[in-house]
Amino acid sequence: MFTGSGEQALNRLETRDQERIKEKLTRIATCDYRHPTDWDFKPTSCHFEGEGRFGAGDLRVFVDIDEERGIIRIYNIGRRENLYT
């Protein structure tokens, strides 16, 4: 589930990167034997929106995981080199 800012961030990416993100999120969301935090999930520092992030190559996807509802909320997506300045 993309928030407004998450969807905008996805749409700004090249098609190839959009597909890579969607593929990884689909694998995470549909895997029966791994918890979402088992997929290269790292907690974020307080200045990033979301409780953590997934890596996908040089991209970072900032998310909240709602286990009760089975939802991964995507808040932002960006290239690693542009996020940590």
PDB file of N, CA and C in Angstrom:
ATOM      1  N   MET A   1       0.846  -1.167   0.000  1.00  0.00           N
ATOM      2  CA  MET A   1       0.000   0.000   0.000  1.00  0.00           C
ATOM      3  C   MET A   1       0.897   1.237   0.000  1.00  0.00           C
ATOM      4  N   PHE A   2       0.753   2.057  -1.011  1.00  0.00           N
ATOM      5  CA  PHE A   2       1.557   3.266  -1.122  1.00  0.00           C
ATOM      6  C   PHE A   2       0.812   4.451  -0.519  1.00  0.00           C
ATOM      7  N   THR A   3       1.502   5.256   0.268  1.00  0.00           N
ATOM      8  CA  THR A   3       0.951   6.537   0.692  1.00  0.00           C
ATOM      9  C   THR A   3       1.090   7.481  -0.499  1.00  0.00           C
ATOM     10  N   GLY A   4       0.526   8.670  -0.405  1.00  0.00           N
ATOM     11  CA  GLY A   4       0.643   9.632  -1.502  1.00  0.00           C
ATOM     12  C   GLY A   4       2.082   9.941  -1.850  1.00  0.00           C
ATOM     13  N   SER A   5       2.903  10.178  -0.832  1.00  0.00           N
ATOM     14  CA  SER A   5       4.310  10.494  -1.085  1.00  0.00           C
ATOM     15  C   SER A   5       5.071   9.279  -1.609  1.00  0.00           C
ATOM     16  N   GLY A   6       4.696   8.086  -1.149  1.00  0.00           N
ATOM     17  CA  GLY A   6       5.337   6.868  -1.637  1.00  0.00           C
ATOM     18  C   GLY A   6       5.036   6.613  -3.100  1.00  0.00           C
ATOM     19  N   GLU A   7       3.790   6.850  -3.493  1.00  0.00           N
ATOM     20  CA  GLU A   7       3.415   6.662  -4.898  1.00  0.00           C
ATOM     21  C   GLU A   7       4.112   7.682  -5.789  1.00  0.00           C
ATOM     22  N   GLN A   8       4.208   8.921  -5.328  1.00  0.00           N
ATOM     23  CA  GLN A   8       4.924   9.944  -6.096  1.00  0.00           C
ATOM     24  C   GLN A   8       6.391   9.568  -6.266  1.00  0.00           C
ATOM     25  N   ALA A   9       7.003   9.081  -5.199  1.00  0.00           N
ATOM     26  CA  ALA A   9       8.410   8.683  -5.268  1.00  0.00           C
ATOM     27  C   ALA A   9       8.595   7.534  -6.253  1.00  0.00           C
ATOM     28  N   LEU A  10       7.680   6.565  -6.243  1.00  0.00           N
ATOM     29  CA  LEU A  10       7.759   5.445  -7.182  1.00  0.00           C
ATOM     30  C   LEU A  10       7.628   5.937  -8.616  1.00  0.00           C
ATOM     31  N   ASN A  11       6.688   6.829  -8.866  1.00  0.00           N
ATOM     32  CA  ASN A  11       6.453   7.321 -10.222  1.00  0.00           C
ATOM     33  C   ASN A  11       7.613   8.139 -10.767  1.00  0.00           C
ATOM     34  N   ARG A  12       8.448   8.698  -9.896  1.00  0.00           N
ATOM     35  CA  ARG A  12       9.614   9.466 -10.346  1.00  0.00           C
ATOM     36  C   ARG A  12      10.765   8.573 -10.809  1.00  0.00           C
ATOM     37  N   LEU A  13      10.706   7.298 -10.458  1.00  0.00           N
ATOM     38  CA  LEU A  13      11.783   6.375 -10.823  1.00  0.00           C
ATOM     39  C   LEU A  13      11.648   5.917 -12.266  1.00  0.00           C
ATOM     40  N   GLU A  14      12.754   5.459 -12.824  1.00  0.00           N
ATOM     41  CA  GLU A  14      12.727   4.847 -14.149  1.00  0.00           C
ATOM     42  C   GLU A  14      11.909   3.563 -14.080  1.00  0.00           C
ATOM     43  N   THR A  15      11.330   3.166 -15.202  1.00  0.00           N
ATOM     44  CA  THR A  15      10.466   1.983 -15.262  1.00  0.00           C
ATOM     45  C   THR A  15      11.173   0.750 -14.721  1.00  0.00           C
ATOM     46  N   ARG A  16      12.422   0.571 -15.060  1.00  0.00           N
ATOM     47  CA  ARG A  16      13.198  -0.593 -14.597  1.00  0.00           C
ATOM     48  C   ARG A  16      13.276  -0.618 -13.068  1.00  0.00           C
ATOM     49  N   ASP A  17      13.504   0.543 -12.452  1.00  0.00           N
ATOM     50  CA  ASP A  17      13.574   0.620 -10.993  1.00  0.00           C
ATOM     51  C   ASP A  17      12.201   0.413 -10.357  1.00  0.00           C
ATOM     52  N   GLN A  18      11.152   0.935 -10.986  1.00  0.00           N
ATOM     53  CA  GLN A  18       9.790   0.708 -10.489  1.00  0.00           C
ATOM     54  C   GLN A  18       9.482  -0.786 -10.448  1.00  0.00           C
ATOM     55  N   GLU A  19       9.839  -1.481 -11.510  1.00  0.00           N
ATOM     56  CA  GLU A  19       9.583  -2.922 -11.577  1.00  0.00           C
ATOM     57  C   GLU A  19      10.377  -3.673 -10.513  1.00  0.00           C
ATOM     58  N   ARG A  20      11.618  -3.259 -10.286  1.00  0.00           N
ATOM     59  CA  ARG A  20      12.448  -3.912  -9.266  1.00  0.00           C
ATOM     60  C   ARG A  20      11.821  -3.737  -7.876  1.00  0.00           C
ATOM     61  N   ILE A  21      11.348  -2.535  -7.574  1.00  0.00           N
ATOM     62  CA  ILE A  21      10.712  -2.269  -6.277  1.00  0.00           C
ATOM     63  C   ILE A  21       9.430  -3.087  -6.140  1.00  0.00           C
ATOM     64  N   LYS A  22       8.585  -3.059  -7.153  1.00  0.00           N
ATOM     65  CA  LYS A  22       7.316  -3.798  -7.091  1.00  0.00           C
ATOM     66  C   LYS A  22       7.556  -5.297  -6.936  1.00  0.00           C
ATOM     67  N   GLU A  23       8.558  -5.822  -7.643  1.00  0.00           N
ATOM     68  CA  GLU A  23       8.878  -7.250  -7.549  1.00  0.00           C
ATOM     69  C   GLU A  23       9.329  -7.613  -6.131  1.00  0.00           C
ATOM     70  N   LYS A  24      10.200  -6.805  -5.556  1.00  0.00           N
ATOM     71  CA  LYS A  24      10.676  -7.103  -4.203  1.00  0.00           C
ATOM     72  C   LYS A  24       9.541  -7.003  -3.193  1.00  0.00           C
ATOM     73  N   LEU A  25       8.710  -5.972  -3.283  1.00  0.00           N
ATOM     74  CA  LEU A  25       7.598  -5.819  -2.346  1.00  0.00           C
ATOM     75  C   LEU A  25       6.593  -6.957  -2.485  1.00  0.00           C
ATOM     76  N   THR A  26       6.374  -7.430  -3.698  1.00  0.00           N
ATOM     77  CA  THR A  26       5.472  -8.565  -3.907  1.00  0.00           C
ATOM     78  C   THR A  26       6.037  -9.816  -3.253  1.00  0.00           C
ATOM     79  N   ARG A  27       7.333 -10.066  -3.423  1.00  0.00           N
ATOM     80  CA  ARG A  27       7.963 -11.230  -2.772  1.00  0.00           C
ATOM     81  C   ARG A  27       7.849 -11.137  -1.260  1.00  0.00           C
ATOM     82  N   ILE A  28       8.080  -9.955  -0.715  1.00  0.00           N
ATOM     83  CA  ILE A  28       7.991  -9.769   0.738  1.00  0.00           C
ATOM     84  C   ILE A  28       6.569 -10.013   1.220  1.00  0.00           C
ATOM     85  N   ALA A  29       5.598  -9.438   0.525  1.00  0.00           N
ATOM     86  CA  ALA A  29       4.201  -9.510   0.963  1.00  0.00           C
ATOM     87  C   ALA A  29       3.598 -10.899   0.822  1.00  0.00           C
ATOM     88  N   THR A  30       4.098 -11.701  -0.109  1.00  0.00           N
ATOM     89  CA  THR A  30       3.467 -13.000  -0.371  1.00  0.00           C
ATOM     90  C   THR A  30       4.239 -14.187   0.185  1.00  0.00           C
ATOM     91  N   CYS A  31       5.351 -13.946   0.828  1.00  0.00           N
ATOM     92  CA  CYS A  31       6.154 -15.045   1.361  1.00  0.00           C
ATOM     93  C   CYS A  31       5.518 -15.595   2.635  1.00  0.00           C
ATOM     94  N   ASP A  32       5.265 -16.898   2.651  1.00  0.00           N
ATOM     95  CA  ASP A  32       4.616 -17.539   3.796  1.00  0.00           C
ATOM     96  C   ASP A  32       5.593 -17.936   4.898  1.00  0.00           C
ATOM     97  N   TYR A  33       6.862 -18.075   4.588  1.00  0.00           N
ATOM     98  CA  TYR A  33       7.797 -18.610   5.574  1.00  0.00           C
ATOM     99  C   TYR A  33       8.796 -17.584   6.106  1.00  0.00           C
ATOM    100  N   ARG A  34       8.737 -16.346   5.637  1.00  0.00           N
ATOM    101  CA  ARG A  34       9.624 -15.295   6.159  1.00  0.00           C
ATOM    102  C   ARG A  34       8.797 -14.087   6.575  1.00  0.00           C
ATOM    103  N   HIS A  35       9.142 -13.536   7.705  1.00  0.00           N
ATOM    104  CA  HIS A  35       8.506 -12.308   8.180  1.00  0.00           C
ATOM    105  C   HIS A  35       9.048 -11.143   7.347  1.00  0.00           C
ATOM    106  N   PRO A  36       8.260 -10.095   7.117  1.00  0.00           N
ATOM    107  CA  PRO A  36       8.761  -8.967   6.325  1.00  0.00           C
ATOM    108  C   PRO A  36      10.078  -8.379   6.832  1.00  0.00           C
ATOM    109  N   THR A  37      10.308  -8.406   8.132  1.00  0.00           N
ATOM    110  CA  THR A  37      11.562  -7.840   8.642  1.00  0.00           C
ATOM    111  C   THR A  37      12.769  -8.742   8.394  1.00  0.00           C
ATOM    112  N   ASP A  38      12.551  -9.941   7.865  1.00  0.00           N
ATOM    113  CA  ASP A  38      13.658 -10.835   7.511  1.00  0.00           C
ATOM    114  C   ASP A  38      14.247 -10.515   6.138  1.00  0.00           C
ATOM    115  N   TRP A  39      13.693  -9.544   5.432  1.00  0.00           N
ATOM    116  CA  TRP A  39      14.107  -9.202   4.072  1.00  0.00           C
ATOM    117  C   TRP A  39      14.941  -7.921   4.069  1.00  0.00           C
ATOM    118  N   ASP A  40      16.149  -7.959   4.554  1.00  0.00           N
ATOM    119  CA  ASP A  40      17.032  -6.790   4.505  1.00  0.00           C
ATOM    120  C   ASP A  40      16.342  -5.553   5.090  1.00  0.00           C
ATOM    121  N   PHE A  41      15.560  -5.744   6.132  1.00  0.00           N
ATOM    122  CA  PHE A  41      14.849  -4.647   6.795  1.00  0.00           C
ATOM    123  C   PHE A  41      15.756  -4.044   7.853  1.00  0.00           C
ATOM    124  N   LYS A  42      15.831  -2.718   7.854  1.00  0.00           N
ATOM    125  CA  LYS A  42      16.628  -2.031   8.869  1.00  0.00           C
ATOM    126  C   LYS A  42      15.772  -0.923   9.477  1.00  0.00           C
ATOM    127  N   PRO A  43      15.763  -0.816  10.804  1.00  0.00           N
ATOM    128  CA  PRO A  43      15.044   0.301  11.436  1.00  0.00           C
ATOM    129  C   PRO A  43      15.644   1.628  10.979  1.00  0.00           C
ATOM    130  N   THR A  44      14.810   2.636  10.862  1.00  0.00           N
ATOM    131  CA  THR A  44      15.301   3.938  10.414  1.00  0.00           C
ATOM    132  C   THR A  44      15.533   4.862  11.592  1.00  0.00           C
ATOM    133  N   SER A  45      16.355   5.865  11.343  1.00  0.00           N
ATOM    134  CA  SER A  45      16.561   6.896  12.359  1.00  0.00           C
ATOM    135  C   SER A  45      15.347   7.820  12.365  1.00  0.00           C
ATOM    136  N   CYS A  46      15.263   8.663  13.345  1.00  0.00           N
ATOM    137  CA  CYS A  46      14.055   9.454  13.565  1.00  0.00           C
ATOM    138  C   CYS A  46      13.756  10.468  12.464  1.00  0.00           C
ATOM    139  N   HIS A  47      14.713  10.861  11.632  1.00  0.00           N
ATOM    140  CA  HIS A  47      14.406  11.878  10.626  1.00  0.00           C
ATOM    141  C   HIS A  47      13.838  11.296   9.331  1.00  0.00           C
ATOM    142  N   PHE A  48      13.671   9.970   9.253  1.00  0.00           N
ATOM    143  CA  PHE A  48      13.025   9.347   8.106  1.00  0.00           C
ATOM    144  C   PHE A  48      11.626   8.910   8.495  1.00  0.00           C
ATOM    145  N   GLU A  49      10.682   9.072   7.572  1.00  0.00           N
ATOM    146  CA  GLU A  49       9.320   8.621   7.824  1.00  0.00           C
ATOM    147  C   GLU A  49       9.258   7.109   7.674  1.00  0.00           C
ATOM    148  N   GLY A  50       8.518   6.455   8.540  1.00  0.00           N
ATOM    149  CA  GLY A  50       8.406   5.005   8.519  1.00  0.00           C
ATOM    150  C   GLY A  50       9.257   4.389   9.612  1.00  0.00           C
ATOM    151  N   GLU A  51       8.913   3.156   9.959  1.00  0.00           N
ATOM    152  CA  GLU A  51       9.641   2.489  11.046  1.00  0.00           C
ATOM    153  C   GLU A  51      10.914   1.817  10.574  1.00  0.00           C
ATOM    154  N   GLY A  52      11.040   1.611   9.273  1.00  0.00           N
ATOM    155  CA  GLY A  52      12.229   0.960   8.759  1.00  0.00           C
ATOM    156  C   GLY A  52      12.317   1.074   7.254  1.00  0.00           C
ATOM    157  N   ARG A  53      13.310   0.382   6.710  1.00  0.00           N
ATOM    158  CA  ARG A  53      13.504   0.442   5.260  1.00  0.00           C
ATOM    159  C   ARG A  53      13.952  -0.902   4.729  1.00  0.00           C
ATOM    160  N   PHE A  54      13.643  -1.116   3.466  1.00  0.00           N
ATOM    161  CA  PHE A  54      14.149  -2.252   2.709  1.00  0.00           C
ATOM    162  C   PHE A  54      15.130  -1.718   1.686  1.00  0.00           C
ATOM    163  N   GLY A  55      16.146  -2.496   1.387  1.00  0.00           N
ATOM    164  CA  GLY A  55      17.057  -2.148   0.319  1.00  0.00           C
ATOM    165  C   GLY A  55      16.697  -2.933  -0.933  1.00  0.00           C
ATOM    166  N   ALA A  56      16.854  -2.289  -2.070  1.00  0.00           N
ATOM    167  CA  ALA A  56      16.669  -2.941  -3.368  1.00  0.00           C
ATOM    168  C   ALA A  56      17.735  -2.364  -4.288  1.00  0.00           C
ATOM    169  N   GLY A  57      18.894  -3.001  -4.299  1.00  0.00           N
ATOM    170  CA  GLY A  57      20.014  -2.435  -5.037  1.00  0.00           C
ATOM    171  C   GLY A  57      20.443  -1.145  -4.360  1.00  0.00           C
ATOM    172  N   ASP A  58      20.552  -0.061  -5.141  1.00  0.00           N
ATOM    173  CA  ASP A  58      20.929   1.229  -4.554  1.00  0.00           C
ATOM    174  C   ASP A  58      19.717   2.050  -4.123  1.00  0.00           C
ATOM    175  N   LEU A  59      18.532   1.443  -4.149  1.00  0.00           N
ATOM    176  CA  LEU A  59      17.307   2.120  -3.726  1.00  0.00           C
ATOM    177  C   LEU A  59      16.950   1.736  -2.300  1.00  0.00           C
ATOM    178  N   ARG A  60      16.319   2.655  -1.589  1.00  0.00           N
ATOM    179  CA  ARG A  60      15.825   2.407  -0.240  1.00  0.00           C
ATOM    180  C   ARG A  60      14.335   2.701  -0.222  1.00  0.00           C
ATOM    181  N   VAL A  61      13.569   1.780   0.369  1.00  0.00           N
ATOM    182  CA  VAL A  61      12.115   1.892   0.438  1.00  0.00           C
ATOM    183  C   VAL A  61      11.741   2.022   1.911  1.00  0.00           C
ATOM    184  N   PHE A  62      11.192   3.172   2.294  1.00  0.00           N
ATOM    185  CA  PHE A  62      10.857   3.451   3.691  1.00  0.00           C
ATOM    186  C   PHE A  62       9.414   3.052   3.968  1.00  0.00           C
ATOM    187  N   VAL A  63       9.232   2.219   4.999  1.00  0.00           N
ATOM    188  CA  VAL A  63       7.939   1.569   5.220  1.00  0.00           C
ATOM    189  C   VAL A  63       7.558   1.520   6.697  1.00  0.00           C
ATOM    190  N   ASP A  64       6.272   1.258   6.923  1.00  0.00           N
ATOM    191  CA  ASP A  64       5.734   0.786   8.196  1.00  0.00           C
ATOM    192  C   ASP A  64       5.140  -0.579   7.911  1.00  0.00           C
ATOM    193  N   ILE A  65       5.257  -1.496   8.855  1.00  0.00           N
ATOM    194  CA  ILE A  65       4.671  -2.826   8.704  1.00  0.00           C
ATOM    195  C   ILE A  65       3.546  -2.960   9.722  1.00  0.00           C
ATOM    196  N   ASP A  66       2.321  -3.139   9.224  1.00  0.00           N
ATOM    197  CA  ASP A  66       1.143  -3.336  10.076  1.00  0.00           C
ATOM    198  C   ASP A  66       0.830  -4.825  10.059  1.00  0.00           C
ATOM    199  N   GLU A  67       1.353  -5.537  11.047  1.00  0.00           N
ATOM    200  CA  GLU A  67       1.200  -6.995  11.079  1.00  0.00           C
ATOM    201  C   GLU A  67      -0.250  -7.418  11.267  1.00  0.00           C
ATOM    202  N   GLU A  68      -0.998  -6.696  12.089  1.00  0.00           N
ATOM    203  CA  GLU A  68      -2.389  -7.067  12.344  1.00  0.00           C
ATOM    204  C   GLU A  68      -3.229  -7.038  11.077  1.00  0.00           C
ATOM    205  N   ARG A  69      -3.017  -6.031  10.255  1.00  0.00           N
ATOM    206  CA  ARG A  69      -3.804  -5.890   9.025  1.00  0.00           C
ATOM    207  C   ARG A  69      -3.112  -6.494   7.809  1.00  0.00           C
ATOM    208  N   GLY A  70      -1.870  -6.927   7.971  1.00  0.00           N
ATOM    209  CA  GLY A  70      -1.129  -7.509   6.857  1.00  0.00           C
ATOM    210  C   GLY A  70      -0.797  -6.498   5.776  1.00  0.00           C
ATOM    211  N   ILE A  71      -0.406  -5.294   6.194  1.00  0.00           N
ATOM    212  CA  ILE A  71      -0.147  -4.210   5.246  1.00  0.00           C
ATOM    213  C   ILE A  71       1.276  -3.687   5.427  1.00  0.00           C
ATOM    214  N   ILE A  72       1.929  -3.438   4.297  1.00  0.00           N
ATOM    215  CA  ILE A  72       3.203  -2.728   4.291  1.00  0.00           C
ATOM    216  C   ILE A  72       2.923  -1.370   3.657  1.00  0.00           C
ATOM    217  N   ARG A  73       3.085  -0.290   4.426  1.00  0.00           N
ATOM    218  CA  ARG A  73       2.855   1.067   3.919  1.00  0.00           C
ATOM    219  C   ARG A  73       4.180   1.642   3.434  1.00  0.00           C
ATOM    220  N   ILE A  74       4.188   2.101   2.197  1.00  0.00           N
ATOM    221  CA  ILE A  74       5.394   2.675   1.614  1.00  0.00           C
ATOM    222  C   ILE A  74       5.290   4.193   1.688  1.00  0.00           C
ATOM    223  N   TYR A  75       6.254   4.830   2.346  1.00  0.00           N
ATOM    224  CA  TYR A  75       6.241   6.276   2.531  1.00  0.00           C
ATOM    225  C   TYR A  75       7.152   7.016   1.562  1.00  0.00           C
ATOM    226  N   ASN A  76       8.271   6.415   1.243  1.00  0.00           N
ATOM    227  CA  ASN A  76       9.224   7.109   0.389  1.00  0.00           C
ATOM    228  C   ASN A  76      10.165   6.093  -0.235  1.00  0.00           C
ATOM    229  N   ILE A  77      10.709   6.455  -1.379  1.00  0.00           N
ATOM    230  CA  ILE A  77      11.695   5.636  -2.080  1.00  0.00           C
ATOM    231  C   ILE A  77      12.763   6.592  -2.591  1.00  0.00           C
ATOM    232  N   GLY A  78      14.015   6.232  -2.408  1.00  0.00           N
ATOM    233  CA  GLY A  78      15.072   7.083  -2.915  1.00  0.00           C
ATOM    234  C   GLY A  78      16.364   6.322  -3.102  1.00  0.00           C
ATOM    235  N   ARG A  79      17.244   6.921  -3.853  1.00  0.00           N
ATOM    236  CA  ARG A  79      18.571   6.340  -4.052  1.00  0.00           C
ATOM    237  C   ARG A  79      19.423   6.591  -2.809  1.00  0.00           C
ATOM    238  N   ARG A  80      20.177   5.604  -2.448  1.00  0.00           N
ATOM    239  CA  ARG A  80      20.988   5.661  -1.231  1.00  0.00           C
ATOM    240  C   ARG A  80      21.847   6.923  -1.181  1.00  0.00           C
ATOM    241  N   GLU A  81      22.509   7.246  -2.290  1.00  0.00           N
ATOM    242  CA  GLU A  81      23.437   8.382  -2.283  1.00  0.00           C
ATOM    243  C   GLU A  81      22.727   9.723  -2.107  1.00  0.00           C
ATOM    244  N   ASN A  82      21.426   9.778  -2.367  1.00  0.00           N
ATOM    245  CA  ASN A  82      20.684  11.029  -2.220  1.00  0.00           C
ATOM    246  C   ASN A  82      20.014  11.168  -0.855  1.00  0.00           C
ATOM    247  N   LEU A  83      19.985  10.116  -0.070  1.00  0.00           N
ATOM    248  CA  LEU A  83      19.246  10.131   1.189  1.00  0.00           C
ATOM    249  C   LEU A  83      20.093  10.470   2.395  1.00  0.00           C
ATOM    250  N   TYR A  84      21.331  10.086   2.386  1.00  0.00           N
ATOM    251  CA  TYR A  84      22.169  10.189   3.575  1.00  0.00           C
ATOM    252  C   TYR A  84      23.191  11.310   3.452  1.00  0.00           C
ATOM    253  N   THR A  85      22.715  12.512   3.191  1.00  0.00           N
ATOM    254  CA  THR A  85      23.641  13.644   3.046  1.00  0.00           C
ATOM    255  C   THR A  85      23.532  14.589   4.206  1.00  0.00           C
TER     256      THR A  85
END
